[in-house]
Amino acid sequence: MEIVIRNLDDSGNAKEFIDGSSRSAERLRTSYVGLGTYKVGWKWSEHAGKQTDKPSENHIGYIISGSFVVKGVSGEEKIVGPGQAFELSPGHDAWVHGEEPCVALDFGCTQKHESR
């Protein structure tokens, strides 16, 4: 398949977190793209990690509106907001910052790369 087009607004792969926040994701040929709307008070470790029973993985994203506080394994915290792209290492945590929901895209690779 040369051209792959998916609609995140009408995704068959949508999930709702225990706080009512939501995320949809679509697989493309070699990657995926997700769209999340995270409510005020949403926190990865509380609302996603507990629900999926998985640790956080490497994460690449882009904030459309609102903002997140992101916390690395070392304890370093930064705020990421509209128009900013980010990459977080495994074991991070993140939560909505302020009084506005956060809308963000996230991206990842669907194929494992072998060492050459």
N, C-alpha and C. Protein backbone atom coordinates (compact mmCIF):
# COMPACT_ATOMS: atom_id res chain seq x y z
N MET A 1 0.84 -1.16 0.00
CA MET A 1 0.00 0.00 0.00
C MET A 1 0.90 1.24 0.00
N GLU A 2 0.78 2.06 -1.02
CA GLU A 2 1.64 3.24 -1.16
C GLU A 2 1.16 4.42 -0.33
N ILE A 3 -0.15 4.65 -0.29
CA ILE A 3 -0.71 5.77 0.45
C ILE A 3 -1.66 5.22 1.51
N VAL A 4 -1.45 5.63 2.77
CA VAL A 4 -2.31 5.20 3.87
C VAL A 4 -2.90 6.45 4.52
N ILE A 5 -4.22 6.49 4.61
CA ILE A 5 -4.92 7.61 5.23
C ILE A 5 -5.86 7.05 6.28
N ARG A 6 -5.81 7.62 7.47
CA ARG A 6 -6.69 7.20 8.56
C ARG A 6 -7.33 8.43 9.19
N ASN A 7 -8.50 8.26 9.79
CA ASN A 7 -9.23 9.34 10.43
C ASN A 7 -9.24 9.12 11.93
N LEU A 8 -8.56 9.99 12.67
CA LEU A 8 -8.51 9.87 14.13
C LEU A 8 -9.83 10.25 14.79
N ASP A 9 -10.64 11.06 14.12
CA ASP A 9 -11.94 11.46 14.67
C ASP A 9 -12.96 10.34 14.60
N ASP A 10 -12.72 9.35 13.75
CA ASP A 10 -13.66 8.24 13.56
C ASP A 10 -12.89 6.92 13.69
N SER A 11 -12.02 6.85 14.68
CA SER A 11 -11.15 5.69 14.85
C SER A 11 -11.88 4.53 15.50
N GLY A 12 -11.61 3.35 15.01
CA GLY A 12 -12.11 2.14 15.66
C GLY A 12 -11.22 1.73 16.82
N ASN A 13 -10.14 2.46 17.03
CA ASN A 13 -9.19 2.15 18.08
C ASN A 13 -9.16 3.30 19.09
N ALA A 14 -10.30 3.60 19.68
CA ALA A 14 -10.40 4.67 20.67
C ALA A 14 -10.58 4.04 22.04
N LYS A 15 -10.05 4.73 23.05
CA LYS A 15 -10.25 4.26 24.42
C LYS A 15 -10.55 5.44 25.31
N GLU A 16 -11.28 5.14 26.36
CA GLU A 16 -11.58 6.15 27.36
C GLU A 16 -10.87 5.75 28.64
N PHE A 17 -10.20 6.71 29.27
CA PHE A 17 -9.52 6.45 30.53
C PHE A 17 -10.52 6.54 31.68
N ILE A 18 -10.11 6.09 32.85
CA ILE A 18 -11.03 6.01 33.98
C ILE A 18 -11.55 7.37 34.44
N ASP A 19 -10.89 8.47 34.05
CA ASP A 19 -11.36 9.81 34.43
C ASP A 19 -12.21 10.45 33.33
N GLY A 20 -12.44 9.75 32.21
CA GLY A 20 -13.22 10.29 31.11
C GLY A 20 -12.39 10.92 30.00
N SER A 21 -11.07 11.03 30.20
CA SER A 21 -10.19 11.48 29.12
C SER A 21 -10.22 10.42 28.02
N SER A 22 -9.82 10.80 26.80
CA SER A 22 -9.90 9.84 25.71
C SER A 22 -8.69 9.95 24.79
N ARG A 23 -8.44 8.85 24.08
CA ARG A 23 -7.35 8.81 23.11
C ARG A 23 -7.74 7.85 22.00
N SER A 24 -7.52 8.29 20.76
CA SER A 24 -7.71 7.40 19.62
C SER A 24 -6.36 7.25 18.95
N ALA A 25 -6.16 6.14 18.27
CA ALA A 25 -4.89 5.90 17.58
C ALA A 25 -5.17 5.13 16.30
N GLU A 26 -4.36 5.39 15.31
CA GLU A 26 -4.47 4.68 14.04
C GLU A 26 -3.09 4.24 13.59
N ARG A 27 -3.04 3.01 13.14
CA ARG A 27 -1.81 2.45 12.60
C ARG A 27 -1.70 2.83 11.13
N LEU A 28 -0.52 3.30 10.79
CA LEU A 28 -0.21 3.57 9.39
C LEU A 28 0.66 2.42 8.89
N ARG A 29 1.40 2.60 7.83
CA ARG A 29 2.20 1.49 7.32
C ARG A 29 3.35 1.14 8.27
N THR A 30 4.14 2.12 8.71
CA THR A 30 5.32 1.85 9.56
C THR A 30 5.27 2.58 10.89
N SER A 31 4.18 3.30 11.13
CA SER A 31 4.09 4.08 12.36
C SER A 31 2.63 4.18 12.79
N TYR A 32 2.42 4.83 13.93
CA TYR A 32 1.06 5.11 14.35
C TYR A 32 0.99 6.57 14.77
N VAL A 33 -0.21 7.10 14.79
CA VAL A 33 -0.46 8.44 15.31
C VAL A 33 -1.67 8.36 16.22
N GLY A 34 -1.56 9.04 17.36
CA GLY A 34 -2.65 9.06 18.32
C GLY A 34 -3.08 10.48 18.59
N LEU A 35 -4.34 10.65 19.00
CA LEU A 35 -4.89 11.95 19.37
C LEU A 35 -5.58 11.79 20.71
N GLY A 36 -5.10 12.54 21.70
CA GLY A 36 -5.67 12.45 23.03
C GLY A 36 -6.25 13.76 23.50
N THR A 37 -7.36 13.67 24.22
CA THR A 37 -7.94 14.82 24.91
C THR A 37 -7.97 14.44 26.38
N TYR A 38 -7.13 15.13 27.16
CA TYR A 38 -6.91 14.78 28.56
C TYR A 38 -7.53 15.85 29.45
N LYS A 39 -8.40 15.42 30.34
CA LYS A 39 -9.13 16.35 31.22
C LYS A 39 -8.24 16.90 32.32
N VAL A 40 -8.64 18.05 32.86
CA VAL A 40 -7.95 18.63 34.01
C VAL A 40 -7.92 17.58 35.12
N GLY A 41 -6.76 17.35 35.69
CA GLY A 41 -6.59 16.34 36.73
C GLY A 41 -6.05 15.01 36.22
N TRP A 42 -6.03 14.81 34.88
CA TRP A 42 -5.52 13.56 34.32
C TRP A 42 -4.03 13.43 34.59
N LYS A 43 -3.62 12.21 34.96
CA LYS A 43 -2.21 11.91 35.20
C LYS A 43 -1.93 10.51 34.66
N TRP A 44 -0.83 10.38 33.89
CA TRP A 44 -0.49 9.09 33.29
C TRP A 44 -0.50 7.97 34.32
N SER A 45 0.25 8.13 35.41
CA SER A 45 0.41 7.05 36.38
C SER A 45 -0.91 6.67 37.05
N GLU A 46 -1.81 7.61 37.19
CA GLU A 46 -3.09 7.34 37.84
C GLU A 46 -4.18 6.86 36.88
N HIS A 47 -4.23 7.44 35.69
CA HIS A 47 -5.37 7.20 34.80
C HIS A 47 -5.06 6.33 33.59
N ALA A 48 -3.82 6.17 33.24
CA ALA A 48 -3.47 5.31 32.10
C ALA A 48 -2.66 4.11 32.58
N GLY A 49 -1.61 4.35 33.33
CA GLY A 49 -0.76 3.27 33.80
C GLY A 49 -1.53 2.23 34.62
N LYS A 50 -2.36 2.68 35.53
CA LYS A 50 -3.16 1.75 36.34
C LYS A 50 -4.18 0.99 35.50
N GLN A 51 -4.74 1.68 34.49
CA GLN A 51 -5.75 1.04 33.65
C GLN A 51 -5.13 0.00 32.72
N THR A 52 -3.94 0.30 32.19
CA THR A 52 -3.30 -0.61 31.24
C THR A 52 -2.37 -1.60 31.91
N ASP A 53 -2.00 -1.31 33.16
CA ASP A 53 -1.04 -2.12 33.91
C ASP A 53 0.29 -2.25 33.17
N LYS A 54 0.70 -1.14 32.52
CA LYS A 54 1.96 -1.10 31.78
C LYS A 54 2.75 0.12 32.23
N PRO A 55 4.08 0.03 32.20
CA PRO A 55 4.89 1.21 32.47
C PRO A 55 4.87 2.14 31.26
N SER A 56 5.22 3.40 31.48
CA SER A 56 5.28 4.32 30.35
C SER A 56 6.46 3.94 29.46
N GLU A 57 6.26 4.09 28.16
CA GLU A 57 7.29 3.77 27.17
C GLU A 57 7.86 5.06 26.59
N ASN A 58 8.87 4.95 25.73
CA ASN A 58 9.36 6.13 25.03
C ASN A 58 8.17 6.79 24.35
N HIS A 59 8.10 8.09 24.41
CA HIS A 59 6.91 8.79 23.95
C HIS A 59 7.31 10.04 23.19
N ILE A 60 6.79 10.19 21.98
CA ILE A 60 7.01 11.37 21.14
C ILE A 60 5.65 12.01 20.92
N GLY A 61 5.56 13.34 21.11
CA GLY A 61 4.27 13.98 20.97
C GLY A 61 4.36 15.43 20.57
N TYR A 62 3.18 16.02 20.39
CA TYR A 62 3.03 17.41 19.99
C TYR A 62 1.77 17.95 20.66
N ILE A 63 1.90 19.08 21.37
CA ILE A 63 0.75 19.66 22.08
C ILE A 63 0.00 20.61 21.15
N ILE A 64 -1.31 20.37 21.00
CA ILE A 64 -2.18 21.23 20.20
C ILE A 64 -2.74 22.35 21.07
N SER A 65 -3.25 22.01 22.24
CA SER A 65 -3.77 23.02 23.17
C SER A 65 -3.64 22.51 24.60
N GLY A 66 -3.68 23.45 25.54
CA GLY A 66 -3.46 23.08 26.93
C GLY A 66 -1.99 22.80 27.17
N SER A 67 -1.69 22.16 28.29
CA SER A 67 -0.29 21.84 28.57
C SER A 67 -0.18 20.66 29.52
N PHE A 68 0.98 20.04 29.50
CA PHE A 68 1.35 18.94 30.38
C PHE A 68 2.55 19.34 31.22
N VAL A 69 2.63 18.80 32.42
CA VAL A 69 3.90 18.74 33.14
C VAL A 69 4.43 17.35 32.83
N VAL A 70 5.68 17.26 32.41
CA VAL A 70 6.30 15.97 32.16
C VAL A 70 7.43 15.79 33.17
N LYS A 71 7.56 14.57 33.68
CA LYS A 71 8.56 14.27 34.70
C LYS A 71 9.37 13.07 34.26
N GLY A 72 10.68 13.26 34.12
CA GLY A 72 11.56 12.18 33.73
C GLY A 72 11.90 11.28 34.90
N VAL A 73 12.55 10.18 34.61
CA VAL A 73 12.95 9.21 35.63
C VAL A 73 13.86 9.87 36.68
N SER A 74 14.66 10.84 36.25
CA SER A 74 15.59 11.52 37.16
C SER A 74 14.87 12.45 38.12
N GLY A 75 13.58 12.73 37.87
CA GLY A 75 12.82 13.65 38.69
C GLY A 75 12.71 15.04 38.08
N GLU A 76 13.42 15.28 36.97
CA GLU A 76 13.34 16.57 36.29
C GLU A 76 11.92 16.78 35.76
N GLU A 77 11.37 17.98 35.98
CA GLU A 77 10.04 18.32 35.50
C GLU A 77 10.11 19.52 34.56
N LYS A 78 9.31 19.47 33.51
CA LYS A 78 9.20 20.58 32.57
C LYS A 78 7.74 20.69 32.14
N ILE A 79 7.36 21.89 31.74
CA ILE A 79 6.02 22.12 31.19
C ILE A 79 6.15 22.17 29.68
N VAL A 80 5.28 21.46 28.99
CA VAL A 80 5.24 21.46 27.53
C VAL A 80 3.85 21.94 27.11
N GLY A 81 3.83 22.93 26.19
CA GLY A 81 2.56 23.55 25.84
C GLY A 81 2.33 23.63 24.34
N PRO A 82 1.31 24.37 23.94
CA PRO A 82 0.89 24.45 22.54
C PRO A 82 2.04 24.78 21.59
N GLY A 83 2.10 24.00 20.51
CA GLY A 83 3.12 24.22 19.49
C GLY A 83 4.44 23.56 19.80
N GLN A 84 4.55 22.90 20.95
CA GLN A 84 5.82 22.26 21.31
C GLN A 84 5.75 20.76 21.09
N ALA A 85 6.84 20.23 20.53
CA ALA A 85 7.02 18.79 20.37
C ALA A 85 7.91 18.30 21.50
N PHE A 86 7.78 17.02 21.85
CA PHE A 86 8.57 16.48 22.95
C PHE A 86 8.86 15.01 22.72
N GLU A 87 9.89 14.54 23.39
CA GLU A 87 10.20 13.11 23.45
C GLU A 87 10.58 12.78 24.88
N LEU A 88 9.95 11.75 25.44
CA LEU A 88 10.18 11.34 26.82
C LEU A 88 10.72 9.93 26.84
N SER A 89 11.66 9.67 27.74
CA SER A 89 12.22 8.33 27.85
C SER A 89 11.26 7.43 28.65
N PRO A 90 11.45 6.12 28.56
CA PRO A 90 10.61 5.18 29.31
C PRO A 90 10.67 5.48 30.81
N GLY A 91 9.56 5.24 31.50
CA GLY A 91 9.50 5.43 32.94
C GLY A 91 9.07 6.83 33.35
N HIS A 92 8.69 7.67 32.40
CA HIS A 92 8.27 9.03 32.70
C HIS A 92 6.86 9.06 33.28
N ASP A 93 6.47 10.22 33.76
CA ASP A 93 5.08 10.47 34.14
C ASP A 93 4.70 11.81 33.51
N ALA A 94 3.42 12.05 33.36
CA ALA A 94 2.94 13.31 32.78
C ALA A 94 1.54 13.56 33.32
N TRP A 95 1.18 14.85 33.45
CA TRP A 95 -0.14 15.21 33.90
C TRP A 95 -0.54 16.56 33.33
N VAL A 96 -1.86 16.77 33.26
CA VAL A 96 -2.38 18.02 32.73
C VAL A 96 -2.00 19.14 33.68
N HIS A 97 -1.54 20.23 33.10
CA HIS A 97 -1.12 21.41 33.85
C HIS A 97 -2.18 22.50 33.69
N GLY A 98 -2.57 23.12 34.77
CA GLY A 98 -3.51 24.23 34.70
C GLY A 98 -4.96 23.81 34.68
N GLU A 99 -5.80 24.73 34.24
CA GLU A 99 -7.26 24.54 34.29
C GLU A 99 -7.88 24.34 32.91
N GLU A 100 -7.09 23.89 31.96
CA GLU A 100 -7.58 23.65 30.59
C GLU A 100 -7.20 22.23 30.18
N PRO A 101 -8.12 21.49 29.56
CA PRO A 101 -7.75 20.16 29.06
C PRO A 101 -6.56 20.26 28.10
N CYS A 102 -5.82 19.19 27.98
CA CYS A 102 -4.68 19.14 27.06
C CYS A 102 -5.05 18.25 25.87
N VAL A 103 -4.86 18.77 24.67
CA VAL A 103 -5.09 18.00 23.45
C VAL A 103 -3.72 17.81 22.80
N ALA A 104 -3.36 16.56 22.55
CA ALA A 104 -2.02 16.26 22.06
C ALA A 104 -2.04 15.12 21.05
N LEU A 105 -1.10 15.19 20.13
CA LEU A 105 -0.82 14.08 19.22
C LEU A 105 0.35 13.29 19.78
N ASP A 106 0.36 12.00 19.53
CA ASP A 106 1.54 11.20 19.85
C ASP A 106 1.85 10.27 18.69
N PHE A 107 3.12 9.92 18.58
CA PHE A 107 3.61 9.19 17.42
C PHE A 107 4.51 8.05 17.86
N GLY A 108 4.57 6.99 17.06
CA GLY A 108 5.47 5.90 17.35
C GLY A 108 5.67 5.01 16.14
N CYS A 109 6.63 4.16 16.26
CA CYS A 109 6.98 3.23 15.19
C CYS A 109 6.28 1.91 15.45
N THR A 110 5.73 1.31 14.42
CA THR A 110 5.04 0.03 14.58
C THR A 110 5.93 -1.16 14.21
N GLN A 111 7.12 -0.86 13.70
CA GLN A 111 8.04 -1.95 13.31
C GLN A 111 9.27 -1.92 14.20
N LYS A 112 9.73 -3.10 14.57
CA LYS A 112 10.98 -3.19 15.34
C LYS A 112 12.14 -3.15 14.37
N HIS A 113 13.14 -2.36 14.73
CA HIS A 113 14.32 -2.23 13.89
C HIS A 113 15.43 -3.14 14.41
N GLU A 114 16.03 -3.87 13.53
CA GLU A 114 17.11 -4.77 13.91
C GLU A 114 18.45 -4.05 13.74
N SER A 115 19.41 -4.42 14.57
CA SER A 115 20.76 -3.85 14.46
C SER A 115 21.38 -4.32 13.16
N ARG A 116 22.13 -3.44 12.55
CA ARG A 116 22.78 -3.82 11.28
C ARG A 116 24.20 -4.21 11.53
